[in-house]
């Protein structure tokens, strides 16, 4: 299970395809397990698509002592 530790939590992610990296972010409350089935096949055929679980969703954990902000969610992706 691919996990990266960053910004006070562990983030689950998946990588599909090859090529220029393309990050696809789900909405809050959604997770990426099996997410490649929902990606248009053209994306995976032409890009390295990276999908992930936001903090506290799916296989990503959360640190309750760290205030969740939109800026922090953006920092998680960058």
PDB file of N, CA and C in Angstrom:
ATOM      1  N   UNK A   1       0.852  -1.169   0.000  1.00  0.00           N
ATOM      2  CA  UNK A   1       0.000   0.000   0.000  1.00  0.00           C
ATOM      3  C   UNK A   1       0.902   1.238   0.000  1.00  0.00           C
ATOM      4  N   UNK A   2       0.855   2.064  -1.051  1.00  0.00           N
ATOM      5  CA  UNK A   2       1.728   3.239  -1.115  1.00  0.00           C
ATOM      6  C   UNK A   2       1.265   4.341  -0.160  1.00  0.00           C
ATOM      7  N   UNK A   3       2.154   4.714   0.739  1.00  0.00           N
ATOM      8  CA  UNK A   3       1.882   5.745   1.746  1.00  0.00           C
ATOM      9  C   UNK A   3       3.060   6.710   1.759  1.00  0.00           C
ATOM     10  N   UNK A   4       2.779   7.990   1.873  1.00  0.00           N
ATOM     11  CA  UNK A   4       3.828   8.987   2.066  1.00  0.00           C
ATOM     12  C   UNK A   4       3.491   9.766   3.339  1.00  0.00           C
ATOM     13  N   UNK A   5       4.494   9.991   4.177  1.00  0.00           N
ATOM     14  CA  UNK A   5       4.301  10.762   5.403  1.00  0.00           C
ATOM     15  C   UNK A   5       4.620  12.224   5.123  1.00  0.00           C
ATOM     16  N   UNK A   6       3.644  13.099   5.356  1.00  0.00           N
ATOM     17  CA  UNK A   6       3.860  14.523   5.141  1.00  0.00           C
ATOM     18  C   UNK A   6       2.866  15.349   5.937  1.00  0.00           C
ATOM     19  N   UNK A   7       3.274  16.541   6.305  1.00  0.00           N
ATOM     20  CA  UNK A   7       2.398  17.503   6.979  1.00  0.00           C
ATOM     21  C   UNK A   7       1.600  16.894   8.130  1.00  0.00           C
ATOM     22  N   UNK A   8       2.266  16.117   8.961  1.00  0.00           N
ATOM     23  CA  UNK A   8       1.670  15.546  10.179  1.00  0.00           C
ATOM     24  C   UNK A   8       0.615  14.476   9.916  1.00  0.00           C
ATOM     25  N   UNK A   9       0.672  13.809   8.775  1.00  0.00           N
ATOM     26  CA  UNK A   9      -0.227  12.674   8.547  1.00  0.00           C
ATOM     27  C   UNK A   9       0.360  11.766   7.469  1.00  0.00           C
ATOM     28  N   UNK A  10      -0.236  10.582   7.337  1.00  0.00           N
ATOM     29  CA  UNK A  10       0.171   9.626   6.302  1.00  0.00           C
ATOM     30  C   UNK A  10      -0.865   9.662   5.190  1.00  0.00           C
ATOM     31  N   UNK A  11      -0.406   9.871   3.947  1.00  0.00           N
ATOM     32  CA  UNK A  11      -1.316   9.985   2.812  1.00  0.00           C
ATOM     33  C   UNK A  11      -1.190   8.763   1.902  1.00  0.00           C
ATOM     34  N   UNK A  12      -2.333   8.134   1.632  1.00  0.00           N
ATOM     35  CA  UNK A  12      -2.403   7.013   0.700  1.00  0.00           C
ATOM     36  C   UNK A  12      -2.536   7.580  -0.712  1.00  0.00           C
ATOM     37  N   UNK A  13      -1.833   6.950  -1.666  1.00  0.00           N
ATOM     38  CA  UNK A  13      -1.929   7.394  -3.052  1.00  0.00           C
ATOM     39  C   UNK A  13      -1.780   6.210  -3.996  1.00  0.00           C
ATOM     40  N   UNK A  14      -2.174   6.398  -5.243  1.00  0.00           N
ATOM     41  CA  UNK A  14      -1.997   5.413  -6.304  1.00  0.00           C
ATOM     42  C   UNK A  14      -1.462   6.137  -7.534  1.00  0.00           C
ATOM     43  N   UNK A  15      -0.645   5.431  -8.317  1.00  0.00           N
ATOM     44  CA  UNK A  15      -0.104   5.976  -9.564  1.00  0.00           C
ATOM     45  C   UNK A  15      -0.493   5.022 -10.687  1.00  0.00           C
ATOM     46  N   UNK A  16      -1.064   5.580 -11.766  1.00  0.00           N
ATOM     47  CA  UNK A  16      -1.503   4.775 -12.907  1.00  0.00           C
ATOM     48  C   UNK A  16      -0.997   5.413 -14.191  1.00  0.00           C
ATOM     49  N   UNK A  17      -0.542   4.590 -15.119  1.00  0.00           N
ATOM     50  CA  UNK A  17      -0.094   5.079 -16.413  1.00  0.00           C
ATOM     51  C   UNK A  17       1.324   5.628 -16.377  1.00  0.00           C
ATOM     52  N   UNK A  18       1.736   6.153 -17.530  1.00  0.00           N
ATOM     53  CA  UNK A  18       3.077   6.720 -17.684  1.00  0.00           C
ATOM     54  C   UNK A  18       2.969   8.021 -18.459  1.00  0.00           C
ATOM     55  N   UNK A  19       3.986   8.852 -18.332  1.00  0.00           N
ATOM     56  CA  UNK A  19       4.009  10.118 -19.059  1.00  0.00           C
ATOM     57  C   UNK A  19       4.122  11.288 -18.108  1.00  0.00           C
ATOM     58  N   UNK A  20       3.638  12.438 -18.550  1.00  0.00           N
ATOM     59  CA  UNK A  20       3.676  13.652 -17.730  1.00  0.00           C
ATOM     60  C   UNK A  20       2.762  13.449 -16.523  1.00  0.00           C
ATOM     61  N   UNK A  21       3.248  13.757 -15.313  1.00  0.00           N
ATOM     62  CA  UNK A  21       2.417  13.573 -14.115  1.00  0.00           C
ATOM     63  C   UNK A  21       1.176  14.473 -14.135  1.00  0.00           C
ATOM     64  N   UNK A  22       0.048  13.892 -13.743  1.00  0.00           N
ATOM     65  CA  UNK A  22      -1.228  14.600 -13.649  1.00  0.00           C
ATOM     66  C   UNK A  22      -1.879  14.193 -12.332  1.00  0.00           C
ATOM     67  N   UNK A  23      -2.093  15.147 -11.439  1.00  0.00           N
ATOM     68  CA  UNK A  23      -2.700  14.851 -10.137  1.00  0.00           C
ATOM     69  C   UNK A  23      -4.200  15.076 -10.241  1.00  0.00           C
ATOM     70  N   UNK A  24      -4.978  14.051  -9.883  1.00  0.00           N
ATOM     71  CA  UNK A  24      -6.433  14.161  -9.849  1.00  0.00           C
ATOM     72  C   UNK A  24      -6.872  14.111  -8.393  1.00  0.00           C
ATOM     73  N   UNK A  25      -7.579  15.135  -7.971  1.00  0.00           N
ATOM     74  CA  UNK A  25      -8.025  15.244  -6.587  1.00  0.00           C
ATOM     75  C   UNK A  25      -9.526  15.033  -6.522  1.00  0.00           C
ATOM     76  N   UNK A  26      -9.947  14.109  -5.670  1.00  0.00           N
ATOM     77  CA  UNK A  26     -11.371  13.891  -5.476  1.00  0.00           C
ATOM     78  C   UNK A  26     -11.958  14.970  -4.586  1.00  0.00           C
ATOM     79  N   UNK A  27     -13.253  15.000  -4.499  1.00  0.00           N
ATOM     80  CA  UNK A  27     -13.903  15.944  -3.595  1.00  0.00           C
ATOM     81  C   UNK A  27     -13.781  15.470  -2.161  1.00  0.00           C
ATOM     82  N   UNK A  28     -14.069  16.355  -1.221  1.00  0.00           N
ATOM     83  CA  UNK A  28     -14.021  15.954   0.184  1.00  0.00           C
ATOM     84  C   UNK A  28     -15.029  14.845   0.402  1.00  0.00           C
ATOM     85  N   UNK A  29     -14.626  13.854   1.179  1.00  0.00           N
ATOM     86  CA  UNK A  29     -15.506  12.736   1.483  1.00  0.00           C
ATOM     87  C   UNK A  29     -15.415  11.601   0.485  1.00  0.00           C
ATOM     88  N   UNK A  30     -14.553  11.723  -0.536  1.00  0.00           N
ATOM     89  CA  UNK A  30     -14.372  10.628  -1.487  1.00  0.00           C
ATOM     90  C   UNK A  30     -12.965  10.071  -1.334  1.00  0.00           C
ATOM     91  N   UNK A  31     -12.761   8.828  -1.721  1.00  0.00           N
ATOM     92  CA  UNK A  31     -11.450   8.204  -1.627  1.00  0.00           C
ATOM     93  C   UNK A  31     -11.082   7.597  -2.964  1.00  0.00           C
ATOM     94  N   UNK A  32      -9.811   7.206  -3.091  1.00  0.00           N
ATOM     95  CA  UNK A  32      -9.308   6.826  -4.416  1.00  0.00           C
ATOM     96  C   UNK A  32      -9.279   5.329  -4.679  1.00  0.00           C
ATOM     97  N   UNK A  33      -9.631   4.482  -3.732  1.00  0.00           N
ATOM     98  CA  UNK A  33      -9.548   3.040  -3.983  1.00  0.00           C
ATOM     99  C   UNK A  33     -10.362   2.671  -5.212  1.00  0.00           C
ATOM    100  N   UNK A  34      -9.699   2.019  -6.140  1.00  0.00           N
ATOM    101  CA  UNK A  34     -10.361   1.656  -7.382  1.00  0.00           C
ATOM    102  C   UNK A  34     -10.617   2.859  -8.272  1.00  0.00           C
ATOM    103  N   UNK A  35      -9.990   3.983  -7.943  1.00  0.00           N
ATOM    104  CA  UNK A  35     -10.231   5.226  -8.673  1.00  0.00           C
ATOM    105  C   UNK A  35      -9.868   5.159 -10.135  1.00  0.00           C
ATOM    106  N   UNK A  36      -8.930   4.276 -10.484  1.00  0.00           N
ATOM    107  CA  UNK A  36      -8.531   4.199 -11.891  1.00  0.00           C
ATOM    108  C   UNK A  36      -9.693   3.766 -12.769  1.00  0.00           C
ATOM    109  N   UNK A  37     -10.663   3.071 -12.207  1.00  0.00           N
ATOM    110  CA  UNK A  37     -11.831   2.646 -12.991  1.00  0.00           C
ATOM    111  C   UNK A  37     -12.693   3.841 -13.386  1.00  0.00           C
ATOM    112  N   UNK A  38     -12.576   4.937 -12.640  1.00  0.00           N
ATOM    113  CA  UNK A  38     -13.390   6.114 -12.905  1.00  0.00           C
ATOM    114  C   UNK A  38     -12.668   7.147 -13.761  1.00  0.00           C
ATOM    115  N   UNK A  39     -11.390   6.912 -14.028  1.00  0.00           N
ATOM    116  CA  UNK A  39     -10.624   7.841 -14.855  1.00  0.00           C
ATOM    117  C   UNK A  39     -10.834   7.505 -16.325  1.00  0.00           C
ATOM    118  N   UNK A  40     -11.036   8.505 -17.168  1.00  0.00           N
ATOM    119  CA  UNK A  40     -11.124   8.217 -18.600  1.00  0.00           C
ATOM    120  C   UNK A  40      -9.859   7.494 -19.052  1.00  0.00           C
ATOM    121  N   UNK A  41     -10.025   6.461 -19.855  1.00  0.00           N
ATOM    122  CA  UNK A  41      -8.874   5.656 -20.267  1.00  0.00           C
ATOM    123  C   UNK A  41      -7.823   6.501 -20.978  1.00  0.00           C
ATOM    124  N   UNK A  42      -8.220   7.560 -21.643  1.00  0.00           N
ATOM    125  CA  UNK A  42      -7.264   8.423 -22.332  1.00  0.00           C
ATOM    126  C   UNK A  42      -6.273   9.073 -21.386  1.00  0.00           C
ATOM    127  N   UNK A  43      -6.697   9.334 -20.148  1.00  0.00           N
ATOM    128  CA  UNK A  43      -5.771   9.915 -19.177  1.00  0.00           C
ATOM    129  C   UNK A  43      -4.655   8.936 -18.848  1.00  0.00           C
ATOM    130  N   UNK A  44      -5.021   7.713 -18.531  1.00  0.00           N
ATOM    131  CA  UNK A  44      -4.032   6.711 -18.140  1.00  0.00           C
ATOM    132  C   UNK A  44      -3.144   6.326 -19.326  1.00  0.00           C
ATOM    133  N   UNK A  45      -3.679   6.395 -20.527  1.00  0.00           N
ATOM    134  CA  UNK A  45      -2.890   6.052 -21.711  1.00  0.00           C
ATOM    135  C   UNK A  45      -1.836   7.105 -22.035  1.00  0.00           C
ATOM    136  N   UNK A  46      -2.048   8.347 -21.611  1.00  0.00           N
ATOM    137  CA  UNK A  46      -1.153   9.432 -22.010  1.00  0.00           C
ATOM    138  C   UNK A  46      -0.445  10.144 -20.863  1.00  0.00           C
ATOM    139  N   UNK A  47      -0.866   9.894 -19.633  1.00  0.00           N
ATOM    140  CA  UNK A  47      -0.291  10.588 -18.481  1.00  0.00           C
ATOM    141  C   UNK A  47       0.025   9.608 -17.359  1.00  0.00           C
ATOM    142  N   UNK A  48       0.875  10.033 -16.455  1.00  0.00           N
ATOM    143  CA  UNK A  48       1.082   9.318 -15.197  1.00  0.00           C
ATOM    144  C   UNK A  48       0.090   9.962 -14.221  1.00  0.00           C
ATOM    145  N   UNK A  49      -1.018   9.287 -13.979  1.00  0.00           N
ATOM    146  CA  UNK A  49      -2.098   9.844 -13.171  1.00  0.00           C
ATOM    147  C   UNK A  49      -1.889   9.467 -11.706  1.00  0.00           C
ATOM    148  N   UNK A  50      -1.886  10.473 -10.847  1.00  0.00           N
ATOM    149  CA  UNK A  50      -1.696  10.276  -9.411  1.00  0.00           C
ATOM    150  C   UNK A  50      -3.003  10.633  -8.722  1.00  0.00           C
ATOM    151  N   UNK A  51      -3.557   9.677  -7.979  1.00  0.00           N
ATOM    152  CA  UNK A  51      -4.771   9.914  -7.206  1.00  0.00           C
ATOM    153  C   UNK A  51      -4.456   9.623  -5.746  1.00  0.00           C
ATOM    154  N   UNK A  52      -5.202  10.212  -4.826  1.00  0.00           N
ATOM    155  CA  UNK A  52      -4.864  10.081  -3.412  1.00  0.00           C
ATOM    156  C   UNK A  52      -6.105  10.238  -2.544  1.00  0.00           C
ATOM    157  N   UNK A  53      -5.968   9.798  -1.306  1.00  0.00           N
ATOM    158  CA  UNK A  53      -7.009  10.012  -0.301  1.00  0.00           C
ATOM    159  C   UNK A  53      -6.654  11.261   0.494  1.00  0.00           C
ATOM    160  N   UNK A  54      -7.584  12.205   0.586  1.00  0.00           N
ATOM    161  CA  UNK A  54      -7.366  13.386   1.427  1.00  0.00           C
ATOM    162  C   UNK A  54      -7.165  12.950   2.874  1.00  0.00           C
ATOM    163  N   UNK A  55      -6.551  13.798   3.688  1.00  0.00           N
ATOM    164  CA  UNK A  55      -6.315  13.502   5.104  1.00  0.00           C
ATOM    165  C   UNK A  55      -7.631  13.136   5.797  1.00  0.00           C
ATOM    166  N   UNK A  56      -7.573  12.034   6.553  1.00  0.00           N
ATOM    167  CA  UNK A  56      -8.736  11.574   7.300  1.00  0.00           C
ATOM    168  C   UNK A  56      -9.763  10.820   6.478  1.00  0.00           C
ATOM    169  N   UNK A  57      -9.492  10.579   5.195  1.00  0.00           N
ATOM    170  CA  UNK A  57     -10.425   9.886   4.307  1.00  0.00           C
ATOM    171  C   UNK A  57      -9.758   8.618   3.793  1.00  0.00           C
ATOM    172  N   UNK A  58     -10.527   7.536   3.664  1.00  0.00           N
ATOM    173  CA  UNK A  58      -9.999   6.284   3.119  1.00  0.00           C
ATOM    174  C   UNK A  58      -8.830   5.765   3.927  1.00  0.00           C
ATOM    175  N   UNK A  59      -7.693   5.528   3.256  1.00  0.00           N
ATOM    176  CA  UNK A  59      -6.504   4.980   3.916  1.00  0.00           C
ATOM    177  C   UNK A  59      -5.554   6.052   4.443  1.00  0.00           C
ATOM    178  N   UNK A  60      -5.870   7.328   4.233  1.00  0.00           N
ATOM    179  CA  UNK A  60      -5.038   8.409   4.778  1.00  0.00           C
ATOM    180  C   UNK A  60      -5.497   8.709   6.197  1.00  0.00           C
ATOM    181  N   UNK A  61      -4.534   8.902   7.096  1.00  0.00           N
ATOM    182  CA  UNK A  61      -4.935   9.223   8.461  1.00  0.00           C
ATOM    183  C   UNK A  61      -4.941  10.729   8.660  1.00  0.00           C
ATOM    184  N   UNK A  62      -5.293  11.142   9.855  1.00  0.00           N
ATOM    185  CA  UNK A  62      -5.372  12.559  10.176  1.00  0.00           C
ATOM    186  C   UNK A  62      -4.796  12.781  11.557  1.00  0.00           C
ATOM    187  N   UNK A  63      -4.323  13.956  11.814  1.00  0.00           N
ATOM    188  CA  UNK A  63      -3.818  14.337  13.128  1.00  0.00           C
ATOM    189  C   UNK A  63      -4.797  15.376  13.678  1.00  0.00           C
ATOM    190  N   UNK A  64      -5.706  14.962  14.578  1.00  0.00           N
ATOM    191  CA  UNK A  64      -6.735  15.886  15.073  1.00  0.00           C
ATOM    192  C   UNK A  64      -6.183  17.173  15.684  1.00  0.00           C
ATOM    193  N   UNK A  65      -4.950  17.155  16.170  1.00  0.00           N
ATOM    194  CA  UNK A  65      -4.391  18.360  16.780  1.00  0.00           C
ATOM    195  C   UNK A  65      -3.983  19.407  15.739  1.00  0.00           C
ATOM    196  N   UNK A  66      -3.962  19.017  14.452  1.00  0.00           N
ATOM    197  CA  UNK A  66      -3.615  19.956  13.380  1.00  0.00           C
ATOM    198  C   UNK A  66      -4.910  20.438  12.733  1.00  0.00           C
ATOM    199  N   UNK A  67      -5.138  21.748  12.770  1.00  0.00           N
ATOM    200  CA  UNK A  67      -6.357  22.308  12.201  1.00  0.00           C
ATOM    201  C   UNK A  67      -6.395  22.068  10.692  1.00  0.00           C
ATOM    202  N   UNK A  68      -7.504  21.533  10.200  1.00  0.00           N
ATOM    203  CA  UNK A  68      -7.669  21.289   8.766  1.00  0.00           C
ATOM    204  C   UNK A  68      -8.094  22.588   8.084  1.00  0.00           C
ATOM    205  N   UNK A  69      -7.319  23.004   7.105  1.00  0.00           N
ATOM    206  CA  UNK A  69      -7.637  24.213   6.345  1.00  0.00           C
ATOM    207  C   UNK A  69      -7.499  23.914   4.860  1.00  0.00           C
ATOM    208  N   UNK A  70      -8.113  24.729   4.044  1.00  0.00           N
ATOM    209  CA  UNK A  70      -7.978  24.564   2.600  1.00  0.00           C
ATOM    210  C   UNK A  70      -6.518  24.701   2.188  1.00  0.00           C
ATOM    211  N   UNK A  71      -5.802  25.621   2.816  1.00  0.00           N
ATOM    212  CA  UNK A  71      -4.378  25.804   2.504  1.00  0.00           C
ATOM    213  C   UNK A  71      -3.584  24.542   2.821  1.00  0.00           C
ATOM    214  N   UNK A  72      -3.912  23.867   3.913  1.00  0.00           N
ATOM    215  CA  UNK A  72      -3.203  22.640   4.276  1.00  0.00           C
ATOM    216  C   UNK A  72      -3.529  21.513   3.299  1.00  0.00           C
ATOM    217  N   UNK A  73      -4.796  21.415   2.867  1.00  0.00           N
ATOM    218  CA  UNK A  73      -5.152  20.414   1.862  1.00  0.00           C
ATOM    219  C   UNK A  73      -4.358  20.661   0.576  1.00  0.00           C
ATOM    220  N   UNK A  74      -4.217  21.916   0.179  1.00  0.00           N
ATOM    221  CA  UNK A  74      -3.438  22.248  -1.023  1.00  0.00           C
ATOM    222  C   UNK A  74      -1.970  21.899  -0.823  1.00  0.00           C
ATOM    223  N   UNK A  75      -1.428  22.184   0.353  1.00  0.00           N
ATOM    224  CA  UNK A  75      -0.026  21.876   0.645  1.00  0.00           C
ATOM    225  C   UNK A  75       0.218  20.368   0.581  1.00  0.00           C
ATOM    226  N   UNK A  76      -0.769  19.570   0.985  1.00  0.00           N
ATOM    227  CA  UNK A  76      -0.640  18.112   0.907  1.00  0.00           C
ATOM    228  C   UNK A  76      -0.383  17.658  -0.524  1.00  0.00           C
ATOM    229  N   UNK A  77      -1.005  18.299  -1.479  1.00  0.00           N
ATOM    230  CA  UNK A  77      -0.878  17.908  -2.884  1.00  0.00           C
ATOM    231  C   UNK A  77       0.446  18.381  -3.470  1.00  0.00           C
ATOM    232  N   UNK A  78       0.882  19.561  -3.072  1.00  0.00           N
ATOM    233  CA  UNK A  78       2.115  20.109  -3.622  1.00  0.00           C
ATOM    234  C   UNK A  78       3.303  19.411  -3.030  1.00  0.00           C
TER     235      UNK A  78
END
